[in-house]
């Protein structure tokens, strides 16, 4: 008889599974990938924003990145977890050898991986289509810390909503 996988291997496998499930849901792909990029391109090109000391893309890119974090952490994770709760998936996972913290870690890992894809896509769109360049003195470490803190905050709110509201709500 085989032994259960180590918690690290189990968390990584569940995170990959979560990413596959997210990619299968068309509404998740729309909310997490398409809408932030579309908002960035649309509002940067229509000229409705006042250009106060810069181009619209300089103002819109941070907001589009924040929208991507909110979409993946709060909306996508919250809705998917609420449906998993209502379908009894979370109860079944409770009977597996994976600890509860492992389930949360896998969900957060999947959200972080999705956000890395979103950030890369938004930066490519901003650079290639809109001609954006990172300002001098941009701190990648500060950006990564802000991304991580935003992810933890909005994923926590998404899991809170998933645990308290009905999936249909």
N, C-alpha and C. Protein backbone atom coordinates (compact mmCIF):
# COMPACT_ATOMS: atom_id res chain seq x y z
N UNK A 1 0.84 -1.17 0.00
CA UNK A 1 0.00 0.00 0.00
C UNK A 1 0.89 1.24 0.00
N UNK A 2 0.53 2.21 -0.80
CA UNK A 2 1.36 3.42 -0.90
C UNK A 2 1.00 4.41 0.19
N UNK A 3 1.96 5.24 0.49
CA UNK A 3 1.75 6.28 1.49
C UNK A 3 1.22 7.52 0.80
N UNK A 4 0.54 8.39 1.54
CA UNK A 4 0.08 9.66 0.93
C UNK A 4 1.27 10.53 0.54
N UNK A 5 1.03 11.38 -0.43
CA UNK A 5 2.08 12.31 -0.88
C UNK A 5 2.40 13.28 0.24
N UNK A 6 3.59 13.84 0.18
CA UNK A 6 3.95 14.85 1.17
C UNK A 6 3.03 16.06 1.01
N UNK A 7 2.85 16.84 2.06
CA UNK A 7 1.98 18.01 1.95
C UNK A 7 2.40 18.97 0.84
N UNK A 8 3.69 19.14 0.61
CA UNK A 8 4.16 20.04 -0.44
C UNK A 8 3.73 19.55 -1.82
N UNK A 9 3.89 18.26 -2.07
CA UNK A 9 3.50 17.68 -3.36
C UNK A 9 1.99 17.74 -3.52
N UNK A 10 1.25 17.47 -2.44
CA UNK A 10 -0.21 17.50 -2.51
C UNK A 10 -0.72 18.92 -2.77
N UNK A 11 -0.12 19.91 -2.13
CA UNK A 11 -0.52 21.31 -2.34
C UNK A 11 -0.23 21.73 -3.77
N UNK A 12 0.94 21.37 -4.28
CA UNK A 12 1.29 21.72 -5.65
C UNK A 12 0.35 21.05 -6.65
N UNK A 13 0.01 19.78 -6.42
CA UNK A 13 -0.91 19.08 -7.33
C UNK A 13 -2.30 19.71 -7.30
N UNK A 14 -2.76 20.08 -6.11
CA UNK A 14 -4.08 20.70 -6.01
C UNK A 14 -4.08 22.10 -6.62
N UNK A 15 -2.97 22.83 -6.50
CA UNK A 15 -2.88 24.15 -7.12
C UNK A 15 -2.94 24.04 -8.64
N UNK A 16 -2.26 23.06 -9.21
CA UNK A 16 -2.32 22.84 -10.66
C UNK A 16 -3.74 22.46 -11.08
N UNK A 17 -4.38 21.65 -10.27
CA UNK A 17 -5.78 21.27 -10.55
C UNK A 17 -6.70 22.49 -10.50
N UNK A 18 -6.49 23.35 -9.52
CA UNK A 18 -7.29 24.59 -9.41
C UNK A 18 -7.09 25.46 -10.65
N UNK A 19 -5.85 25.56 -11.13
CA UNK A 19 -5.59 26.34 -12.34
C UNK A 19 -6.29 25.74 -13.56
N UNK A 20 -6.28 24.42 -13.67
CA UNK A 20 -6.99 23.77 -14.78
C UNK A 20 -8.48 24.04 -14.71
N UNK A 21 -9.05 23.98 -13.52
CA UNK A 21 -10.48 24.25 -13.37
C UNK A 21 -10.80 25.71 -13.71
N UNK A 22 -9.93 26.62 -13.31
CA UNK A 22 -10.14 28.04 -13.64
C UNK A 22 -10.10 28.25 -15.14
N UNK A 23 -9.18 27.60 -15.82
CA UNK A 23 -9.07 27.75 -17.27
C UNK A 23 -10.27 27.16 -18.00
N UNK A 24 -10.94 26.20 -17.40
CA UNK A 24 -12.12 25.59 -18.02
C UNK A 24 -13.37 26.44 -17.90
N UNK A 25 -13.40 27.31 -16.91
CA UNK A 25 -14.59 28.15 -16.71
C UNK A 25 -14.44 29.41 -17.53
N UNK A 26 -15.29 29.55 -18.54
CA UNK A 26 -15.18 30.70 -19.45
C UNK A 26 -15.41 32.01 -18.72
N UNK A 27 -16.32 32.03 -17.74
CA UNK A 27 -16.56 33.28 -17.02
C UNK A 27 -15.36 33.69 -16.18
N UNK A 28 -14.61 32.73 -15.66
CA UNK A 28 -13.40 33.06 -14.90
C UNK A 28 -12.33 33.65 -15.82
N UNK A 29 -12.18 33.07 -16.99
CA UNK A 29 -11.19 33.59 -17.95
C UNK A 29 -11.58 35.00 -18.37
N UNK A 30 -12.87 35.22 -18.60
CA UNK A 30 -13.35 36.54 -18.98
C UNK A 30 -13.06 37.56 -17.88
N UNK A 31 -13.41 37.23 -16.65
CA UNK A 31 -13.25 38.17 -15.53
C UNK A 31 -11.79 38.40 -15.18
N UNK A 32 -10.99 37.36 -15.22
CA UNK A 32 -9.61 37.50 -14.73
C UNK A 32 -8.60 37.92 -15.78
N UNK A 33 -8.83 37.55 -17.04
CA UNK A 33 -7.82 37.84 -18.06
C UNK A 33 -8.29 38.89 -19.07
N UNK A 34 -9.48 38.71 -19.60
CA UNK A 34 -9.93 39.56 -20.70
C UNK A 34 -10.34 40.95 -20.22
N UNK A 35 -11.14 41.04 -19.17
CA UNK A 35 -11.66 42.34 -18.75
C UNK A 35 -10.56 43.31 -18.30
N UNK A 36 -9.59 42.93 -17.45
CA UNK A 36 -8.55 43.91 -17.10
C UNK A 36 -7.77 44.42 -18.31
N UNK A 37 -7.44 43.54 -19.25
CA UNK A 37 -6.71 43.98 -20.45
C UNK A 37 -7.59 44.86 -21.33
N UNK A 38 -8.87 44.51 -21.46
CA UNK A 38 -9.78 45.31 -22.28
C UNK A 38 -10.01 46.68 -21.67
N UNK A 39 -10.14 46.75 -20.35
CA UNK A 39 -10.31 48.04 -19.67
C UNK A 39 -9.09 48.92 -19.90
N UNK A 40 -7.91 48.34 -19.78
CA UNK A 40 -6.68 49.10 -20.00
C UNK A 40 -6.62 49.66 -21.41
N UNK A 41 -6.83 48.81 -22.40
CA UNK A 41 -6.72 49.25 -23.80
C UNK A 41 -7.82 50.25 -24.14
N UNK A 42 -9.05 49.97 -23.73
CA UNK A 42 -10.17 50.84 -24.08
C UNK A 42 -9.98 52.25 -23.51
N UNK A 43 -9.78 52.33 -22.21
CA UNK A 43 -9.71 53.66 -21.60
C UNK A 43 -8.42 54.40 -21.92
N UNK A 44 -7.36 53.68 -22.28
CA UNK A 44 -6.12 54.35 -22.67
C UNK A 44 -6.20 54.91 -24.08
N UNK A 45 -7.11 54.38 -24.90
CA UNK A 45 -7.17 54.82 -26.29
C UNK A 45 -8.33 55.75 -26.61
N UNK A 46 -9.38 55.81 -25.79
CA UNK A 46 -10.53 56.64 -26.14
C UNK A 46 -10.34 58.11 -25.78
N UNK A 47 -9.41 58.41 -24.92
CA UNK A 47 -9.11 59.81 -24.61
C UNK A 47 -10.12 60.49 -23.71
N UNK A 48 -10.74 59.77 -22.78
CA UNK A 48 -11.68 60.40 -21.86
C UNK A 48 -11.01 60.84 -20.56
N UNK A 49 -9.81 60.36 -20.31
CA UNK A 49 -9.11 60.73 -19.09
C UNK A 49 -8.26 61.96 -19.32
N UNK A 50 -8.25 62.85 -18.36
CA UNK A 50 -7.37 64.01 -18.52
C UNK A 50 -5.91 63.58 -18.36
N UNK A 51 -5.07 64.01 -19.24
CA UNK A 51 -3.65 63.67 -19.18
C UNK A 51 -2.96 64.69 -18.28
N UNK A 52 -2.92 64.37 -17.00
CA UNK A 52 -2.30 65.27 -16.03
C UNK A 52 -0.85 64.86 -15.88
N UNK A 53 0.01 65.51 -16.61
CA UNK A 53 1.44 65.25 -16.50
C UNK A 53 1.88 63.93 -17.07
N UNK A 54 1.10 63.29 -17.88
CA UNK A 54 1.52 62.02 -18.46
C UNK A 54 0.47 61.45 -19.38
N UNK A 55 0.75 60.26 -19.86
CA UNK A 55 -0.19 59.61 -20.76
C UNK A 55 -1.21 58.81 -19.96
N UNK A 56 -2.37 58.53 -20.54
CA UNK A 56 -3.39 57.77 -19.80
C UNK A 56 -2.92 56.39 -19.36
N UNK A 57 -2.06 55.74 -20.13
CA UNK A 57 -1.61 54.41 -19.76
C UNK A 57 -0.83 54.45 -18.44
N UNK A 58 -0.12 55.54 -18.18
CA UNK A 58 0.63 55.66 -16.93
C UNK A 58 -0.31 55.69 -15.72
N UNK A 59 -1.48 56.25 -15.92
CA UNK A 59 -2.49 56.32 -14.86
C UNK A 59 -3.29 55.02 -14.76
N UNK A 60 -3.58 54.39 -15.90
CA UNK A 60 -4.48 53.25 -15.95
C UNK A 60 -3.83 51.91 -15.63
N UNK A 61 -2.55 51.76 -15.90
CA UNK A 61 -1.90 50.46 -15.69
C UNK A 61 -1.95 50.01 -14.23
N UNK A 62 -1.62 50.85 -13.25
CA UNK A 62 -1.73 50.38 -11.86
C UNK A 62 -3.16 49.97 -11.48
N UNK A 63 -4.13 50.72 -11.96
CA UNK A 63 -5.51 50.36 -11.68
C UNK A 63 -5.93 49.06 -12.34
N UNK A 64 -5.44 48.82 -13.55
CA UNK A 64 -5.75 47.56 -14.24
C UNK A 64 -5.08 46.38 -13.53
N UNK A 65 -3.89 46.60 -13.02
CA UNK A 65 -3.23 45.55 -12.24
C UNK A 65 -4.01 45.26 -10.96
N UNK A 66 -4.50 46.31 -10.31
CA UNK A 66 -5.31 46.12 -9.10
C UNK A 66 -6.62 45.41 -9.44
N UNK A 67 -7.23 45.76 -10.57
CA UNK A 67 -8.44 45.08 -11.02
C UNK A 67 -8.18 43.60 -11.25
N UNK A 68 -7.04 43.27 -11.80
CA UNK A 68 -6.69 41.87 -12.02
C UNK A 68 -6.55 41.12 -10.70
N UNK A 69 -5.93 41.74 -9.71
CA UNK A 69 -5.78 41.11 -8.39
C UNK A 69 -7.15 40.91 -7.76
N UNK A 70 -8.01 41.90 -7.84
CA UNK A 70 -9.34 41.80 -7.26
C UNK A 70 -10.15 40.73 -7.99
N UNK A 71 -10.04 40.70 -9.31
CA UNK A 71 -10.81 39.73 -10.09
C UNK A 71 -10.41 38.30 -9.76
N UNK A 72 -9.13 38.05 -9.60
CA UNK A 72 -8.71 36.68 -9.33
C UNK A 72 -8.85 36.31 -7.86
N UNK A 73 -8.52 37.22 -6.97
CA UNK A 73 -8.57 36.90 -5.54
C UNK A 73 -9.96 36.91 -4.96
N UNK A 74 -10.73 37.93 -5.26
CA UNK A 74 -12.04 38.09 -4.66
C UNK A 74 -13.12 37.39 -5.48
N UNK A 75 -13.20 37.73 -6.74
CA UNK A 75 -14.32 37.25 -7.56
C UNK A 75 -14.15 35.79 -7.95
N UNK A 76 -13.08 35.47 -8.63
CA UNK A 76 -12.90 34.11 -9.14
C UNK A 76 -12.77 33.10 -8.01
N UNK A 77 -11.90 33.36 -7.06
CA UNK A 77 -11.70 32.44 -5.95
C UNK A 77 -12.95 32.34 -5.09
N UNK A 78 -13.58 33.46 -4.81
CA UNK A 78 -14.78 33.45 -3.97
C UNK A 78 -15.92 32.68 -4.59
N UNK A 79 -16.19 32.92 -5.86
CA UNK A 79 -17.29 32.23 -6.52
C UNK A 79 -17.01 30.74 -6.67
N UNK A 80 -15.81 30.40 -7.11
CA UNK A 80 -15.47 28.99 -7.31
C UNK A 80 -15.53 28.23 -5.99
N UNK A 81 -15.02 28.81 -4.91
CA UNK A 81 -15.02 28.14 -3.61
C UNK A 81 -16.44 28.04 -3.05
N UNK A 82 -17.27 29.04 -3.29
CA UNK A 82 -18.66 28.96 -2.83
C UNK A 82 -19.40 27.82 -3.52
N UNK A 83 -19.18 27.66 -4.81
CA UNK A 83 -19.81 26.55 -5.52
C UNK A 83 -19.24 25.22 -5.05
N UNK A 84 -17.95 25.15 -4.80
CA UNK A 84 -17.37 23.91 -4.27
C UNK A 84 -17.98 23.57 -2.92
N UNK A 85 -18.22 24.58 -2.12
CA UNK A 85 -18.85 24.37 -0.82
C UNK A 85 -20.28 23.86 -0.98
N UNK A 86 -21.05 24.48 -1.88
CA UNK A 86 -22.45 24.07 -2.04
C UNK A 86 -22.57 22.70 -2.69
N UNK A 87 -21.62 22.31 -3.53
CA UNK A 87 -21.66 20.99 -4.17
C UNK A 87 -21.09 19.89 -3.27
N UNK A 88 -20.53 20.23 -2.14
CA UNK A 88 -19.96 19.24 -1.23
C UNK A 88 -18.53 18.85 -1.53
N UNK A 89 -17.88 19.58 -2.43
CA UNK A 89 -16.50 19.25 -2.79
C UNK A 89 -15.57 19.49 -1.61
N UNK A 90 -15.78 20.58 -0.89
CA UNK A 90 -14.90 20.88 0.25
C UNK A 90 -15.04 19.83 1.34
N UNK A 91 -16.25 19.32 1.53
CA UNK A 91 -16.46 18.27 2.54
C UNK A 91 -15.71 17.00 2.13
N UNK A 92 -15.74 16.68 0.84
CA UNK A 92 -15.01 15.50 0.36
C UNK A 92 -13.51 15.69 0.50
N UNK A 93 -13.04 16.90 0.21
CA UNK A 93 -11.61 17.17 0.37
C UNK A 93 -11.19 17.09 1.83
N UNK A 94 -12.13 17.35 2.75
CA UNK A 94 -11.83 17.23 4.18
C UNK A 94 -11.50 15.81 4.58
N UNK A 95 -11.95 14.83 3.82
CA UNK A 95 -11.63 13.43 4.11
C UNK A 95 -10.33 12.97 3.49
N UNK A 96 -9.67 13.82 2.75
CA UNK A 96 -8.40 13.45 2.14
C UNK A 96 -7.26 13.68 3.13
N UNK A 97 -6.08 13.13 2.86
CA UNK A 97 -4.96 13.34 3.78
C UNK A 97 -4.39 14.77 3.73
N UNK A 98 -4.88 15.58 2.81
CA UNK A 98 -4.40 16.97 2.72
C UNK A 98 -4.94 17.77 3.90
N UNK A 99 -4.06 18.43 4.67
CA UNK A 99 -4.57 19.25 5.79
C UNK A 99 -5.33 20.47 5.27
N UNK A 100 -6.12 21.07 6.13
CA UNK A 100 -6.93 22.23 5.74
C UNK A 100 -6.07 23.39 5.27
N UNK A 101 -4.96 23.60 5.95
CA UNK A 101 -4.07 24.68 5.52
C UNK A 101 -3.55 24.41 4.11
N UNK A 102 -3.43 23.13 3.75
CA UNK A 102 -2.95 22.77 2.42
C UNK A 102 -3.95 23.17 1.34
N UNK A 103 -5.23 23.03 1.64
CA UNK A 103 -6.26 23.44 0.69
C UNK A 103 -6.21 24.94 0.47
N UNK A 104 -6.09 25.70 1.55
CA UNK A 104 -6.00 27.15 1.43
C UNK A 104 -4.72 27.55 0.70
N UNK A 105 -3.62 26.88 1.02
CA UNK A 105 -2.35 27.19 0.35
C UNK A 105 -2.42 26.88 -1.14
N UNK A 106 -3.08 25.79 -1.50
CA UNK A 106 -3.21 25.44 -2.92
C UNK A 106 -4.05 26.48 -3.65
N UNK A 107 -5.14 26.91 -3.03
CA UNK A 107 -5.98 27.93 -3.65
C UNK A 107 -5.22 29.24 -3.80
N UNK A 108 -4.47 29.64 -2.78
CA UNK A 108 -3.67 30.87 -2.87
C UNK A 108 -2.55 30.72 -3.90
N UNK A 109 -1.95 29.56 -3.97
CA UNK A 109 -0.91 29.32 -4.98
C UNK A 109 -1.46 29.42 -6.39
N UNK A 110 -2.66 28.89 -6.59
CA UNK A 110 -3.29 28.98 -7.92
C UNK A 110 -3.62 30.43 -8.25
N UNK A 111 -4.09 31.18 -7.26
CA UNK A 111 -4.40 32.59 -7.49
C UNK A 111 -3.12 33.36 -7.82
N UNK A 112 -2.04 33.10 -7.11
CA UNK A 112 -0.77 33.78 -7.39
C UNK A 112 -0.25 33.44 -8.79
N UNK A 113 -0.37 32.18 -9.18
CA UNK A 113 0.07 31.80 -10.53
C UNK A 113 -0.78 32.49 -11.59
N UNK A 114 -2.08 32.57 -11.35
CA UNK A 114 -2.97 33.27 -12.28
C UNK A 114 -2.62 34.75 -12.35
N UNK A 115 -2.30 35.34 -11.22
CA UNK A 115 -1.94 36.75 -11.19
C UNK A 115 -0.63 37.02 -11.91
N UNK A 116 0.32 36.11 -11.83
CA UNK A 116 1.56 36.29 -12.59
C UNK A 116 1.28 36.31 -14.09
N UNK A 117 0.35 35.46 -14.52
CA UNK A 117 -0.06 35.48 -15.92
C UNK A 117 -0.74 36.81 -16.26
N UNK A 118 -1.61 37.28 -15.38
CA UNK A 118 -2.30 38.55 -15.61
C UNK A 118 -1.32 39.71 -15.67
N UNK A 119 -0.38 39.76 -14.75
CA UNK A 119 0.60 40.84 -14.72
C UNK A 119 1.42 40.82 -16.01
N UNK A 120 1.87 39.64 -16.41
CA UNK A 120 2.65 39.54 -17.64
C UNK A 120 1.83 40.00 -18.84
N UNK A 121 0.58 39.58 -18.92
CA UNK A 121 -0.27 39.98 -20.04
C UNK A 121 -0.50 41.49 -20.05
N UNK A 122 -0.81 42.07 -18.89
CA UNK A 122 -1.05 43.51 -18.83
C UNK A 122 0.21 44.31 -19.15
N UNK A 123 1.35 43.86 -18.69
CA UNK A 123 2.59 44.57 -19.00
C UNK A 123 2.94 44.46 -20.49
N UNK A 124 2.68 43.31 -21.08
CA UNK A 124 2.92 43.16 -22.52
C UNK A 124 1.97 44.06 -23.31
N UNK A 125 0.69 44.06 -22.93
CA UNK A 125 -0.29 44.92 -23.62
C UNK A 125 0.11 46.38 -23.48
N UNK A 126 0.46 46.79 -22.27
CA UNK A 126 0.83 48.19 -22.04
C UNK A 126 2.09 48.56 -22.81
N UNK A 127 3.05 47.67 -22.87
CA UNK A 127 4.31 47.96 -23.53
C UNK A 127 4.17 47.91 -25.05
N UNK A 128 3.60 46.84 -25.57
CA UNK A 128 3.55 46.64 -27.02
C UNK A 128 2.48 47.50 -27.68
N UNK A 129 1.28 47.48 -27.14
CA UNK A 129 0.17 48.18 -27.80
C UNK A 129 0.14 49.67 -27.45
N UNK A 130 0.40 49.99 -26.18
CA UNK A 130 0.23 51.37 -25.73
C UNK A 130 1.54 52.13 -25.57
N UNK A 131 2.68 51.48 -25.79
CA UNK A 131 3.97 52.16 -25.73
C UNK A 131 4.40 52.58 -24.35
N UNK A 132 3.98 51.86 -23.32
CA UNK A 132 4.33 52.20 -21.94
C UNK A 132 5.76 51.78 -21.64
N UNK A 133 6.44 52.56 -20.86
CA UNK A 133 7.78 52.24 -20.35
C UNK A 133 7.78 52.45 -18.85
N UNK A 134 8.43 51.55 -18.15
CA UNK A 134 8.51 51.69 -16.69
C UNK A 134 9.31 52.93 -16.34
N UNK A 135 8.82 53.73 -15.40
CA UNK A 135 9.57 54.93 -15.03
C UNK A 135 10.89 54.57 -14.34
N UNK A 136 11.83 55.49 -14.41
CA UNK A 136 13.11 55.28 -13.75
C UNK A 136 12.90 55.16 -12.25
N UNK A 137 13.62 54.26 -11.63
CA UNK A 137 13.51 54.08 -10.19
C UNK A 137 12.36 53.17 -9.77
N UNK A 138 11.79 52.43 -10.71
CA UNK A 138 10.71 51.50 -10.38
C UNK A 138 11.26 50.36 -9.55
N UNK A 139 10.61 50.08 -8.43
CA UNK A 139 11.06 49.03 -7.53
C UNK A 139 10.25 47.75 -7.76
N UNK A 140 10.90 46.74 -8.29
CA UNK A 140 10.22 45.46 -8.53
C UNK A 140 9.89 44.79 -7.20
N UNK A 141 10.75 44.94 -6.20
CA UNK A 141 10.48 44.34 -4.89
C UNK A 141 9.25 44.96 -4.25
N UNK A 142 9.11 46.28 -4.35
CA UNK A 142 7.93 46.95 -3.79
C UNK A 142 6.67 46.52 -4.55
N UNK A 143 6.78 46.39 -5.87
CA UNK A 143 5.65 45.92 -6.67
C UNK A 143 5.25 44.51 -6.26
N UNK A 144 6.22 43.61 -6.09
CA UNK A 144 5.94 42.23 -5.69
C UNK A 144 5.30 42.18 -4.31
N UNK A 145 5.79 43.01 -3.38
CA UNK A 145 5.21 43.04 -2.04
C UNK A 145 3.77 43.55 -2.07
N UNK A 146 3.51 44.58 -2.86
CA UNK A 146 2.14 45.10 -2.97
C UNK A 146 1.23 44.06 -3.62
N UNK A 147 1.73 43.36 -4.62
CA UNK A 147 0.95 42.31 -5.27
C UNK A 147 0.62 41.20 -4.28
N UNK A 148 1.59 40.79 -3.48
CA UNK A 148 1.37 39.73 -2.50
C UNK A 148 0.39 40.17 -1.43
N UNK A 149 0.54 41.38 -0.91
CA UNK A 149 -0.39 41.87 0.11
C UNK A 149 -1.80 42.01 -0.44
N UNK A 150 -1.93 42.52 -1.65
CA UNK A 150 -3.25 42.62 -2.27
C UNK A 150 -3.87 41.26 -2.49
N UNK A 151 -3.06 40.31 -2.90
CA UNK A 151 -3.56 38.95 -3.11
C UNK A 151 -4.07 38.36 -1.81
N UNK A 152 -3.29 38.49 -0.75
CA UNK A 152 -3.71 37.95 0.54
C UNK A 152 -5.00 38.61 1.03
N UNK A 153 -5.09 39.92 0.87
CA UNK A 153 -6.28 40.64 1.33
C UNK A 153 -7.52 40.23 0.55
N UNK A 154 -7.45 40.25 -0.78
CA UNK A 154 -8.63 39.97 -1.57
C UNK A 154 -8.96 38.48 -1.61
N UNK A 155 -7.96 37.61 -1.54
CA UNK A 155 -8.24 36.18 -1.46
C UNK A 155 -8.89 35.86 -0.11
N UNK A 156 -8.44 36.53 0.94
CA UNK A 156 -9.07 36.34 2.25
C UNK A 156 -10.53 36.77 2.24
N UNK A 157 -10.80 37.91 1.60
CA UNK A 157 -12.19 38.35 1.50
C UNK A 157 -13.01 37.40 0.64
N UNK A 158 -12.41 36.89 -0.45
CA UNK A 158 -13.11 35.94 -1.29
C UNK A 158 -13.44 34.66 -0.55
N UNK A 159 -12.50 34.15 0.23
CA UNK A 159 -12.76 32.94 1.02
C UNK A 159 -13.77 33.20 2.13
N UNK A 160 -13.74 34.40 2.70
CA UNK A 160 -14.73 34.76 3.72
C UNK A 160 -16.13 34.77 3.12
N UNK A 161 -16.28 35.39 1.96
CA UNK A 161 -17.59 35.41 1.30
C UNK A 161 -18.02 34.00 0.89
N UNK A 162 -17.08 33.20 0.42
CA UNK A 162 -17.41 31.83 0.01
C UNK A 162 -17.87 30.99 1.19
N UNK A 163 -17.34 31.28 2.36
CA UNK A 163 -17.72 30.50 3.54
C UNK A 163 -18.98 30.98 4.22
N UNK A 164 -19.44 32.18 3.90
CA UNK A 164 -20.61 32.70 4.61
C UNK A 164 -21.85 32.84 3.73
N UNK A 165 -21.69 33.08 2.45
CA UNK A 165 -22.85 33.28 1.57
C UNK A 165 -23.16 32.01 0.78
N UNK A 166 -24.40 31.92 0.33
CA UNK A 166 -24.77 30.83 -0.59
C UNK A 166 -24.09 31.08 -1.92
N UNK A 167 -23.84 30.02 -2.66
CA UNK A 167 -23.14 30.15 -3.95
C UNK A 167 -23.92 31.03 -4.92
N UNK A 168 -25.23 30.97 -4.88
CA UNK A 168 -26.05 31.76 -5.80
C UNK A 168 -26.01 33.24 -5.49
N UNK A 169 -25.71 33.58 -4.23
CA UNK A 169 -25.66 34.99 -3.83
C UNK A 169 -24.42 35.66 -4.36
